[in-house]
């Protein structure tokens, strides 16, 4: 069993949603947490919680979309906190749209944050982990990577890529002492990207909490679990696994189940809600001479 206490953990998307709960869980394990996010103010708020729970904290404001600058981030962390023992790729964004309505910039943004930044950070930390014969990479994927969500297709594609890449890399890393896990939450209530849309979770889909996801991360690290599905309760998790397997054999049956559950209709509502949030956010920013395309972010 892996001991987390005293280890240096790089956590992306650390300032809000699931990231905050993961930071708290790591703090309880007495880890040194390097939290990365685009908001320094939010990072500072998490810092107080982490320190109160017994963890050590270093918050770094950084834009993960600038892939070419990520080596500088790793160098900065190495200088300030030492080598990274555990990498948790949690940062993610969602933009709900009909596929033909996405812009090229939006496609690039989702794939860069959700997939490429995690791959690049892993590429950068792996040489040190391999030299030390130890380390752990945790990728926060999604059940949307196992069964695509209509009107959220690019996010689904990014998470599917995350899962398959994790699976391939796990085989490469066998017997090296470096471990890798994928965490696959279903719908998460209360905090994070789904909650941001203000649209209810589909009935019968099951819903977990951010705390459930954080506990799954800790469990995956300690027990070296390859893949963890997180949903409402153990029974719902088992049903999810069975359905995902069945839908691989009968994909149109899976489509029918999603239609019956109302996944597509609810995601269409999320498109409208996201537009309203973006307009409201842009309007408030325009009062101080700035605009922004507001998207849901973990």
C-alpha atoms as a PDB file:
ATOM      1  CA  UNK A   1       0.000   0.000   0.000  1.00  0.00           C
ATOM      2  CA  UNK A   2       1.349   3.428  -0.963  1.00  0.00           C
ATOM      3  CA  UNK A   3       1.907   5.953   1.831  1.00  0.00           C
ATOM      4  CA  UNK A   4       0.845   9.452   0.755  1.00  0.00           C
ATOM      5  CA  UNK A   5       2.155  11.328   3.808  1.00  0.00           C
ATOM      6  CA  UNK A   6       5.145  13.490   2.983  1.00  0.00           C
ATOM      7  CA  UNK A   7       4.848  12.996  -0.768  1.00  0.00           C
ATOM      8  CA  UNK A   8       4.743  15.928  -3.180  1.00  0.00           C
ATOM      9  CA  UNK A   9       1.535  15.969  -5.231  1.00  0.00           C
ATOM     10  CA  UNK A  10       0.901  18.126  -8.289  1.00  0.00           C
ATOM     11  CA  UNK A  11      -2.853  18.722  -8.542  1.00  0.00           C
ATOM     12  CA  UNK A  12      -4.264  20.584 -11.549  1.00  0.00           C
ATOM     13  CA  UNK A  13      -7.669  22.255 -11.466  1.00  0.00           C
ATOM     14  CA  UNK A  14      -7.075  22.670  -7.745  1.00  0.00           C
ATOM     15  CA  UNK A  15      -9.054  25.816  -6.996  1.00  0.00           C
ATOM     16  CA  UNK A  16     -12.672  24.749  -7.433  1.00  0.00           C
ATOM     17  CA  UNK A  17     -15.115  21.874  -7.838  1.00  0.00           C
ATOM     18  CA  UNK A  18     -13.701  18.366  -7.443  1.00  0.00           C
ATOM     19  CA  UNK A  19     -10.173  19.743  -7.193  1.00  0.00           C
ATOM     20  CA  UNK A  20     -10.861  21.372  -3.835  1.00  0.00           C
ATOM     21  CA  UNK A  21     -12.190  18.100  -2.407  1.00  0.00           C
ATOM     22  CA  UNK A  22      -9.141  16.206  -3.687  1.00  0.00           C
ATOM     23  CA  UNK A  23      -6.902  18.833  -2.070  1.00  0.00           C
ATOM     24  CA  UNK A  24      -8.702  18.395   1.252  1.00  0.00           C
ATOM     25  CA  UNK A  25      -8.391  14.603   1.071  1.00  0.00           C
ATOM     26  CA  UNK A  26      -4.667  14.866   0.326  1.00  0.00           C
ATOM     27  CA  UNK A  27      -4.233  17.320   3.208  1.00  0.00           C
ATOM     28  CA  UNK A  28      -5.754  14.782   5.606  1.00  0.00           C
ATOM     29  CA  UNK A  29      -3.111  12.337   4.353  1.00  0.00           C
ATOM     30  CA  UNK A  30      -0.394  14.918   5.254  1.00  0.00           C
ATOM     31  CA  UNK A  31       0.785  15.392   1.670  1.00  0.00           C
ATOM     32  CA  UNK A  32       2.599  18.389   0.230  1.00  0.00           C
ATOM     33  CA  UNK A  33       0.170  19.701  -2.381  1.00  0.00           C
ATOM     34  CA  UNK A  34       1.180  21.876  -5.314  1.00  0.00           C
ATOM     35  CA  UNK A  35      -2.127  23.281  -6.547  1.00  0.00           C
ATOM     36  CA  UNK A  36      -2.307  24.720 -10.054  1.00  0.00           C
ATOM     37  CA  UNK A  37      -5.143  26.872 -11.352  1.00  0.00           C
ATOM     38  CA  UNK A  38      -5.810  30.051 -13.327  1.00  0.00           C
ATOM     39  CA  UNK A  39      -7.131  31.883 -10.240  1.00  0.00           C
ATOM     40  CA  UNK A  40      -4.636  32.943  -7.585  1.00  0.00           C
ATOM     41  CA  UNK A  41      -7.425  34.187  -5.312  1.00  0.00           C
ATOM     42  CA  UNK A  42      -9.151  30.806  -5.380  1.00  0.00           C
ATOM     43  CA  UNK A  43      -5.849  29.027  -4.776  1.00  0.00           C
ATOM     44  CA  UNK A  44      -5.266  31.188  -1.716  1.00  0.00           C
ATOM     45  CA  UNK A  45      -8.654  30.174  -0.325  1.00  0.00           C
ATOM     46  CA  UNK A  46      -7.826  26.484  -0.719  1.00  0.00           C
ATOM     47  CA  UNK A  47      -4.449  27.074   0.943  1.00  0.00           C
ATOM     48  CA  UNK A  48      -6.099  27.985   4.238  1.00  0.00           C
ATOM     49  CA  UNK A  49      -8.209  24.808   4.209  1.00  0.00           C
ATOM     50  CA  UNK A  50      -5.270  22.567   3.356  1.00  0.00           C
ATOM     51  CA  UNK A  51      -3.086  23.989   6.114  1.00  0.00           C
ATOM     52  CA  UNK A  52      -5.912  23.678   8.657  1.00  0.00           C
ATOM     53  CA  UNK A  53      -6.216  19.975   7.781  1.00  0.00           C
ATOM     54  CA  UNK A  54      -2.525  19.319   8.282  1.00  0.00           C
ATOM     55  CA  UNK A  55      -1.223  19.402   4.729  1.00  0.00           C
ATOM     56  CA  UNK A  56       1.442  21.579   3.155  1.00  0.00           C
ATOM     57  CA  UNK A  57       0.445  23.822   0.250  1.00  0.00           C
ATOM     58  CA  UNK A  58       2.013  25.649  -2.650  1.00  0.00           C
ATOM     59  CA  UNK A  59      -0.382  27.413  -5.002  1.00  0.00           C
ATOM     60  CA  UNK A  60       0.797  28.363  -8.495  1.00  0.00           C
ATOM     61  CA  UNK A  61      -1.280  30.382 -10.934  1.00  0.00           C
ATOM     62  CA  UNK A  62      -0.750  28.837 -14.355  1.00  0.00           C
ATOM     63  CA  UNK A  63      -2.584  28.489 -17.653  1.00  0.00           C
ATOM     64  CA  UNK A  64      -2.350  24.829 -18.668  1.00  0.00           C
ATOM     65  CA  UNK A  65      -3.436  25.624 -22.229  1.00  0.00           C
ATOM     66  CA  UNK A  66       0.074  26.956 -22.896  1.00  0.00           C
ATOM     67  CA  UNK A  67       1.591  23.540 -23.455  1.00  0.00           C
ATOM     68  CA  UNK A  68       4.934  24.877 -24.601  1.00  0.00           C
ATOM     69  CA  UNK A  69       5.422  26.578 -21.215  1.00  0.00           C
ATOM     70  CA  UNK A  70       4.675  23.525 -19.043  1.00  0.00           C
ATOM     71  CA  UNK A  71       8.390  22.602 -18.724  1.00  0.00           C
ATOM     72  CA  UNK A  72       8.802  25.942 -16.917  1.00  0.00           C
ATOM     73  CA  UNK A  73       6.035  24.958 -14.496  1.00  0.00           C
ATOM     74  CA  UNK A  74       7.702  21.635 -13.684  1.00  0.00           C
ATOM     75  CA  UNK A  75      11.056  23.361 -13.228  1.00  0.00           C
ATOM     76  CA  UNK A  76       9.465  25.885 -10.862  1.00  0.00           C
ATOM     77  CA  UNK A  77       7.859  23.114  -8.798  1.00  0.00           C
ATOM     78  CA  UNK A  78      11.106  21.151  -8.623  1.00  0.00           C
ATOM     79  CA  UNK A  79      12.888  24.227  -7.299  1.00  0.00           C
ATOM     80  CA  UNK A  80      10.231  25.120  -4.731  1.00  0.00           C
ATOM     81  CA  UNK A  81       8.921  21.727  -3.582  1.00  0.00           C
ATOM     82  CA  UNK A  82      11.262  19.070  -4.937  1.00  0.00           C
ATOM     83  CA  UNK A  83      10.507  16.194  -7.348  1.00  0.00           C
ATOM     84  CA  UNK A  84       6.856  15.368  -7.994  1.00  0.00           C
ATOM     85  CA  UNK A  85       5.859  12.010  -6.505  1.00  0.00           C
ATOM     86  CA  UNK A  86       2.198  12.029  -7.538  1.00  0.00           C
ATOM     87  CA  UNK A  87       0.566  13.819 -10.473  1.00  0.00           C
ATOM     88  CA  UNK A  88      -3.221  14.256 -10.484  1.00  0.00           C
ATOM     89  CA  UNK A  89      -4.514  15.483 -13.848  1.00  0.00           C
ATOM     90  CA  UNK A  90      -7.846  16.932 -12.767  1.00  0.00           C
ATOM     91  CA  UNK A  91      -8.213  20.144 -14.793  1.00  0.00           C
ATOM     92  CA  UNK A  92     -11.078  20.044 -17.269  1.00  0.00           C
ATOM     93  CA  UNK A  93     -13.617  22.157 -19.118  1.00  0.00           C
ATOM     94  CA  UNK A  94     -16.949  21.499 -20.812  1.00  0.00           C
ATOM     95  CA  UNK A  95     -18.675  23.477 -23.528  1.00  0.00           C
ATOM     96  CA  UNK A  96     -22.146  22.176 -24.404  1.00  0.00           C
ATOM     97  CA  UNK A  97     -23.038  22.651 -28.095  1.00  0.00           C
ATOM     98  CA  UNK A  98     -24.256  20.935 -31.203  1.00  0.00           C
ATOM     99  CA  UNK A  99     -21.070  19.621 -32.758  1.00  0.00           C
ATOM    100  CA  UNK A 100     -21.333  21.770 -35.904  1.00  0.00           C
ATOM    101  CA  UNK A 101     -21.603  24.894 -33.733  1.00  0.00           C
ATOM    102  CA  UNK A 102     -18.203  24.502 -32.097  1.00  0.00           C
ATOM    103  CA  UNK A 103     -15.474  26.856 -33.205  1.00  0.00           C
ATOM    104  CA  UNK A 104     -11.978  25.618 -33.962  1.00  0.00           C
ATOM    105  CA  UNK A 105     -10.761  27.518 -30.898  1.00  0.00           C
ATOM    106  CA  UNK A 106     -13.288  25.704 -28.687  1.00  0.00           C
ATOM    107  CA  UNK A 107     -12.261  22.311 -30.047  1.00  0.00           C
ATOM    108  CA  UNK A 108      -8.630  23.116 -29.336  1.00  0.00           C
ATOM    109  CA  UNK A 109      -9.396  24.486 -25.868  1.00  0.00           C
ATOM    110  CA  UNK A 110     -11.296  21.405 -24.682  1.00  0.00           C
ATOM    111  CA  UNK A 111      -8.812  18.910 -26.080  1.00  0.00           C
ATOM    112  CA  UNK A 112      -5.820  20.872 -24.817  1.00  0.00           C
ATOM    113  CA  UNK A 113      -7.031  21.271 -21.226  1.00  0.00           C
ATOM    114  CA  UNK A 114      -8.776  17.912 -20.861  1.00  0.00           C
ATOM    115  CA  UNK A 115      -6.280  15.689 -22.669  1.00  0.00           C
ATOM    116  CA  UNK A 116      -3.069  17.237 -23.963  1.00  0.00           C
ATOM    117  CA  UNK A 117      -2.086  19.120 -20.802  1.00  0.00           C
ATOM    118  CA  UNK A 118      -2.319  15.913 -18.762  1.00  0.00           C
ATOM    119  CA  UNK A 119      -0.322  13.999 -21.339  1.00  0.00           C
ATOM    120  CA  UNK A 120       2.377  16.673 -21.474  1.00  0.00           C
ATOM    121  CA  UNK A 121       2.665  16.987 -17.691  1.00  0.00           C
ATOM    122  CA  UNK A 122       2.949  13.201 -17.454  1.00  0.00           C
ATOM    123  CA  UNK A 123       5.645  13.177 -20.134  1.00  0.00           C
ATOM    124  CA  UNK A 124       7.595  15.778 -18.191  1.00  0.00           C
ATOM    125  CA  UNK A 125       7.426  14.096 -14.760  1.00  0.00           C
ATOM    126  CA  UNK A 126       7.947  10.511 -15.922  1.00  0.00           C
ATOM    127  CA  UNK A 127      11.750  10.618 -16.350  1.00  0.00           C
ATOM    128  CA  UNK A 128      12.245  11.475 -12.667  1.00  0.00           C
ATOM    129  CA  UNK A 129       9.626   8.970 -11.521  1.00  0.00           C
ATOM    130  CA  UNK A 130      11.244   6.223 -13.605  1.00  0.00           C
ATOM    131  CA  UNK A 131      14.715   7.093 -12.285  1.00  0.00           C
ATOM    132  CA  UNK A 132      13.367   6.792  -8.723  1.00  0.00           C
ATOM    133  CA  UNK A 133      11.422   3.592  -9.524  1.00  0.00           C
ATOM    134  CA  UNK A 134       8.301   5.059  -7.937  1.00  0.00           C
ATOM    135  CA  UNK A 135       5.498   7.512  -8.603  1.00  0.00           C
ATOM    136  CA  UNK A 136       1.816   7.622  -9.426  1.00  0.00           C
ATOM    137  CA  UNK A 137      -0.216   9.416 -12.093  1.00  0.00           C
ATOM    138  CA  UNK A 138      -3.968   9.797 -11.583  1.00  0.00           C
ATOM    139  CA  UNK A 139      -6.118  10.882 -14.513  1.00  0.00           C
ATOM    140  CA  UNK A 140      -9.612  12.162 -13.771  1.00  0.00           C
ATOM    141  CA  UNK A 141     -11.588  10.831 -16.712  1.00  0.00           C
ATOM    142  CA  UNK A 142     -15.373  10.323 -16.879  1.00  0.00           C
ATOM    143  CA  UNK A 143     -18.091   7.844 -17.737  1.00  0.00           C
ATOM    144  CA  UNK A 144     -18.611  10.188 -20.699  1.00  0.00           C
ATOM    145  CA  UNK A 145     -15.403   8.659 -22.028  1.00  0.00           C
ATOM    146  CA  UNK A 146     -17.045   5.243 -22.052  1.00  0.00           C
ATOM    147  CA  UNK A 147     -20.400   6.282 -23.515  1.00  0.00           C
ATOM    148  CA  UNK A 148     -20.537   9.551 -25.440  1.00  0.00           C
ATOM    149  CA  UNK A 149     -22.907  12.295 -24.314  1.00  0.00           C
ATOM    150  CA  UNK A 150     -24.894  14.079 -27.029  1.00  0.00           C
ATOM    151  CA  UNK A 151     -24.321  17.849 -27.226  1.00  0.00           C
ATOM    152  CA  UNK A 152     -21.135  17.293 -25.235  1.00  0.00           C
ATOM    153  CA  UNK A 153     -19.286  15.266 -27.844  1.00  0.00           C
ATOM    154  CA  UNK A 154     -15.912  16.985 -27.692  1.00  0.00           C
ATOM    155  CA  UNK A 155     -15.701  16.588 -23.906  1.00  0.00           C
ATOM    156  CA  UNK A 156     -16.632  12.911 -24.379  1.00  0.00           C
ATOM    157  CA  UNK A 157     -13.894  12.534 -26.983  1.00  0.00           C
ATOM    158  CA  UNK A 158     -11.316  14.113 -24.679  1.00  0.00           C
ATOM    159  CA  UNK A 159     -12.199  11.755 -21.833  1.00  0.00           C
ATOM    160  CA  UNK A 160     -12.249   8.700 -24.115  1.00  0.00           C
ATOM    161  CA  UNK A 161      -8.766   9.661 -25.231  1.00  0.00           C
ATOM    162  CA  UNK A 162      -7.704  10.055 -21.603  1.00  0.00           C
ATOM    163  CA  UNK A 163      -8.945   6.550 -20.790  1.00  0.00           C
ATOM    164  CA  UNK A 164      -7.310   4.779 -23.729  1.00  0.00           C
ATOM    165  CA  UNK A 165      -4.036   6.657 -23.268  1.00  0.00           C
ATOM    166  CA  UNK A 166      -4.048   5.723 -19.559  1.00  0.00           C
ATOM    167  CA  UNK A 167      -4.668   2.091 -20.469  1.00  0.00           C
ATOM    168  CA  UNK A 168      -1.791   2.047 -22.957  1.00  0.00           C
ATOM    169  CA  UNK A 169       0.624   3.854 -20.661  1.00  0.00           C
ATOM    170  CA  UNK A 170      -0.185   1.531 -17.761  1.00  0.00           C
ATOM    171  CA  UNK A 171       1.061  -1.363 -19.901  1.00  0.00           C
ATOM    172  CA  UNK A 172       4.243   0.540 -20.785  1.00  0.00           C
ATOM    173  CA  UNK A 173       4.925   1.253 -17.114  1.00  0.00           C
ATOM    174  CA  UNK A 174       4.420  -2.323 -15.884  1.00  0.00           C
ATOM    175  CA  UNK A 175       7.240  -3.405 -13.551  1.00  0.00           C
ATOM    176  CA  UNK A 176       8.808   0.097 -13.467  1.00  0.00           C
ATOM    177  CA  UNK A 177       7.491   1.044 -10.021  1.00  0.00           C
ATOM    178  CA  UNK A 178       5.492   3.889 -11.565  1.00  0.00           C
ATOM    179  CA  UNK A 179       1.732   3.440 -11.379  1.00  0.00           C
ATOM    180  CA  UNK A 180      -1.181   5.068 -13.214  1.00  0.00           C
ATOM    181  CA  UNK A 181      -4.911   5.156 -12.497  1.00  0.00           C
ATOM    182  CA  UNK A 182      -8.029   6.455 -14.227  1.00  0.00           C
ATOM    183  CA  UNK A 183     -10.962   7.735 -12.187  1.00  0.00           C
ATOM    184  CA  UNK A 184     -14.313   7.675 -13.991  1.00  0.00           C
ATOM    185  CA  UNK A 185     -17.017   9.661 -12.188  1.00  0.00           C
ATOM    186  CA  UNK A 186     -20.545   9.591 -13.459  1.00  0.00           C
ATOM    187  CA  UNK A 187     -22.691  12.628 -12.726  1.00  0.00           C
ATOM    188  CA  UNK A 188     -21.350  14.609  -9.765  1.00  0.00           C
ATOM    189  CA  UNK A 189     -23.805  16.620  -7.691  1.00  0.00           C
ATOM    190  CA  UNK A 190     -23.342  19.863  -5.814  1.00  0.00           C
ATOM    191  CA  UNK A 191     -19.998  21.054  -7.201  1.00  0.00           C
ATOM    192  CA  UNK A 192     -18.173  21.194 -10.510  1.00  0.00           C
ATOM    193  CA  UNK A 193     -19.120  21.333 -14.161  1.00  0.00           C
ATOM    194  CA  UNK A 194     -22.542  19.677 -14.034  1.00  0.00           C
ATOM    195  CA  UNK A 195     -23.648  21.805 -11.083  1.00  0.00           C
ATOM    196  CA  UNK A 196     -22.514  24.931 -12.945  1.00  0.00           C
ATOM    197  CA  UNK A 197     -25.087  24.338 -15.678  1.00  0.00           C
ATOM    198  CA  UNK A 198     -28.044  24.518 -13.276  1.00  0.00           C
ATOM    199  CA  UNK A 199     -29.743  21.584 -15.020  1.00  0.00           C
ATOM    200  CA  UNK A 200     -30.781  18.459 -13.061  1.00  0.00           C
ATOM    201  CA  UNK A 201     -28.981  15.145 -13.365  1.00  0.00           C
ATOM    202  CA  UNK A 202     -30.931  12.582 -15.439  1.00  0.00           C
ATOM    203  CA  UNK A 203     -33.171  10.382 -13.325  1.00  0.00           C
ATOM    204  CA  UNK A 204     -31.904   6.818 -12.885  1.00  0.00           C
ATOM    205  CA  UNK A 205     -28.367   7.849 -13.903  1.00  0.00           C
ATOM    206  CA  UNK A 206     -27.123   7.947 -10.330  1.00  0.00           C
ATOM    207  CA  UNK A 207     -25.090  10.746  -8.812  1.00  0.00           C
ATOM    208  CA  UNK A 208     -22.008  10.800  -6.627  1.00  0.00           C
ATOM    209  CA  UNK A 209     -20.560  13.636  -4.572  1.00  0.00           C
ATOM    210  CA  UNK A 210     -17.207  15.416  -5.019  1.00  0.00           C
ATOM    211  CA  UNK A 211     -16.151  13.823  -1.741  1.00  0.00           C
ATOM    212  CA  UNK A 212     -16.820  10.372  -3.240  1.00  0.00           C
ATOM    213  CA  UNK A 213     -14.499  11.215  -6.138  1.00  0.00           C
ATOM    214  CA  UNK A 214     -11.793  12.490  -3.786  1.00  0.00           C
ATOM    215  CA  UNK A 215     -11.977   9.297  -1.725  1.00  0.00           C
ATOM    216  CA  UNK A 216     -11.694   7.258  -4.933  1.00  0.00           C
ATOM    217  CA  UNK A 217      -8.515   9.153  -5.834  1.00  0.00           C
ATOM    218  CA  UNK A 218      -6.938   8.397  -2.459  1.00  0.00           C
ATOM    219  CA  UNK A 219      -7.981   4.758  -2.701  1.00  0.00           C
ATOM    220  CA  UNK A 220      -6.565   4.439  -6.226  1.00  0.00           C
ATOM    221  CA  UNK A 221      -3.198   5.788  -5.101  1.00  0.00           C
ATOM    222  CA  UNK A 222      -2.962   3.679  -1.957  1.00  0.00           C
ATOM    223  CA  UNK A 223      -4.116   0.439  -3.598  1.00  0.00           C
ATOM    224  CA  UNK A 224      -2.761   1.022  -7.135  1.00  0.00           C
ATOM    225  CA  UNK A 225      -6.156   0.586  -8.752  1.00  0.00           C
ATOM    226  CA  UNK A 226      -6.061   0.728 -12.540  1.00  0.00           C
ATOM    227  CA  UNK A 227      -9.551   2.150 -13.062  1.00  0.00           C
ATOM    228  CA  UNK A 228     -12.236   3.282 -10.636  1.00  0.00           C
ATOM    229  CA  UNK A 229     -15.841   4.003 -11.595  1.00  0.00           C
ATOM    230  CA  UNK A 230     -17.506   6.393  -9.150  1.00  0.00           C
ATOM    231  CA  UNK A 231     -21.275   6.489  -8.966  1.00  0.00           C
ATOM    232  CA  UNK A 232     -23.988   6.793  -6.337  1.00  0.00           C
ATOM    233  CA  UNK A 233     -23.262   3.587  -4.392  1.00  0.00           C
ATOM    234  CA  UNK A 234     -21.600   0.187  -4.941  1.00  0.00           C
ATOM    235  CA  UNK A 235     -24.750  -1.228  -6.550  1.00  0.00           C
ATOM    236  CA  UNK A 236     -25.034   1.661  -9.009  1.00  0.00           C
ATOM    237  CA  UNK A 237     -21.313   1.405  -9.786  1.00  0.00           C
ATOM    238  CA  UNK A 238     -21.703  -2.301 -10.585  1.00  0.00           C
ATOM    239  CA  UNK A 239     -24.721  -1.641 -12.804  1.00  0.00           C
ATOM    240  CA  UNK A 240     -22.762   1.100 -14.597  1.00  0.00           C
ATOM    241  CA  UNK A 241     -19.911  -1.308 -15.326  1.00  0.00           C
ATOM    242  CA  UNK A 242     -22.285  -3.939 -16.652  1.00  0.00           C
ATOM    243  CA  UNK A 243     -24.149  -1.458 -18.854  1.00  0.00           C
ATOM    244  CA  UNK A 244     -20.950   0.019 -20.277  1.00  0.00           C
ATOM    245  CA  UNK A 245     -19.806  -3.464 -21.249  1.00  0.00           C
ATOM    246  CA  UNK A 246     -23.176  -4.346 -22.747  1.00  0.00           C
ATOM    247  CA  UNK A 247     -23.260  -1.114 -24.757  1.00  0.00           C
ATOM    248  CA  UNK A 248     -19.931  -2.009 -26.338  1.00  0.00           C
ATOM    249  CA  UNK A 249     -21.669  -5.039 -27.836  1.00  0.00           C
ATOM    250  CA  UNK A 250     -24.998  -3.312 -28.551  1.00  0.00           C
ATOM    251  CA  UNK A 251     -24.267   0.423 -29.044  1.00  0.00           C
ATOM    252  CA  UNK A 252     -27.743   1.265 -30.360  1.00  0.00           C
ATOM    253  CA  UNK A 253     -29.231  -0.188 -27.184  1.00  0.00           C
ATOM    254  CA  UNK A 254     -27.050   2.226 -25.242  1.00  0.00           C
ATOM    255  CA  UNK A 255     -28.326   5.082 -27.399  1.00  0.00           C
ATOM    256  CA  UNK A 256     -31.901   4.068 -26.627  1.00  0.00           C
ATOM    257  CA  UNK A 257     -31.212   3.955 -22.875  1.00  0.00           C
ATOM    258  CA  UNK A 258     -29.670   7.447 -22.969  1.00  0.00           C
ATOM    259  CA  UNK A 259     -32.661   8.733 -24.921  1.00  0.00           C
ATOM    260  CA  UNK A 260     -35.029   7.149 -22.406  1.00  0.00           C
ATOM    261  CA  UNK A 261     -33.089   8.728 -19.546  1.00  0.00           C
ATOM    262  CA  UNK A 262     -33.313  12.123 -21.243  1.00  0.00           C
ATOM    263  CA  UNK A 263     -29.562  12.734 -21.446  1.00  0.00           C
ATOM    264  CA  UNK A 264     -29.794  14.534 -24.785  1.00  0.00           C
ATOM    265  CA  UNK A 265     -32.691  16.766 -23.778  1.00  0.00           C
ATOM    266  CA  UNK A 266     -31.032  17.810 -20.543  1.00  0.00           C
ATOM    267  CA  UNK A 267     -27.788  18.579 -22.358  1.00  0.00           C
ATOM    268  CA  UNK A 268     -29.739  20.751 -24.797  1.00  0.00           C
ATOM    269  CA  UNK A 269     -30.982  22.686 -21.771  1.00  0.00           C
ATOM    270  CA  UNK A 270     -27.373  23.005 -20.626  1.00  0.00           C
ATOM    271  CA  UNK A 271     -26.548  24.656 -23.964  1.00  0.00           C
ATOM    272  CA  UNK A 272     -29.098  27.380 -23.258  1.00  0.00           C
ATOM    273  CA  UNK A 273     -28.057  27.801 -19.623  1.00  0.00           C
ATOM    274  CA  UNK A 274     -24.410  28.030 -20.599  1.00  0.00           C
ATOM    275  CA  UNK A 275     -25.261  30.769 -23.107  1.00  0.00           C
ATOM    276  CA  UNK A 276     -27.063  32.751 -20.401  1.00  0.00           C
ATOM    277  CA  UNK A 277     -24.122  32.367 -18.017  1.00  0.00           C
ATOM    278  CA  UNK A 278     -21.693  33.474 -20.742  1.00  0.00           C
ATOM    279  CA  UNK A 279     -23.793  36.535 -21.570  1.00  0.00           C
ATOM    280  CA  UNK A 280     -24.151  37.470 -17.919  1.00  0.00           C
ATOM    281  CA  UNK A 281     -20.434  37.001 -17.314  1.00  0.00           C
ATOM    282  CA  UNK A 282     -19.473  38.969 -20.432  1.00  0.00           C
ATOM    283  CA  UNK A 283     -21.868  41.736 -19.490  1.00  0.00           C
ATOM    284  CA  UNK A 284     -20.365  42.146 -16.043  1.00  0.00           C
ATOM    285  CA  UNK A 285     -16.857  42.136 -17.479  1.00  0.00           C
ATOM    286  CA  UNK A 286     -17.724  44.683 -20.149  1.00  0.00           C
ATOM    287  CA  UNK A 287     -18.421  47.183 -17.386  1.00  0.00           C
ATOM    288  CA  UNK A 288     -14.696  47.162 -16.643  1.00  0.00           C
ATOM    289  CA  UNK A 289     -13.654  46.955 -20.274  1.00  0.00           C
ATOM    290  CA  UNK A 290     -13.188  43.203 -20.646  1.00  0.00           C
ATOM    291  CA  UNK A 291     -15.092  40.241 -22.058  1.00  0.00           C
ATOM    292  CA  UNK A 292     -14.816  36.489 -21.548  1.00  0.00           C
ATOM    293  CA  UNK A 293     -16.233  33.270 -22.960  1.00  0.00           C
ATOM    294  CA  UNK A 294     -17.390  31.584 -19.770  1.00  0.00           C
ATOM    295  CA  UNK A 295     -17.263  27.797 -19.839  1.00  0.00           C
ATOM    296  CA  UNK A 296     -17.909  25.166 -17.207  1.00  0.00           C
ATOM    297  CA  UNK A 297     -14.668  24.236 -15.474  1.00  0.00           C
ATOM    298  CA  UNK A 298     -13.864  21.596 -12.912  1.00  0.00           C
END
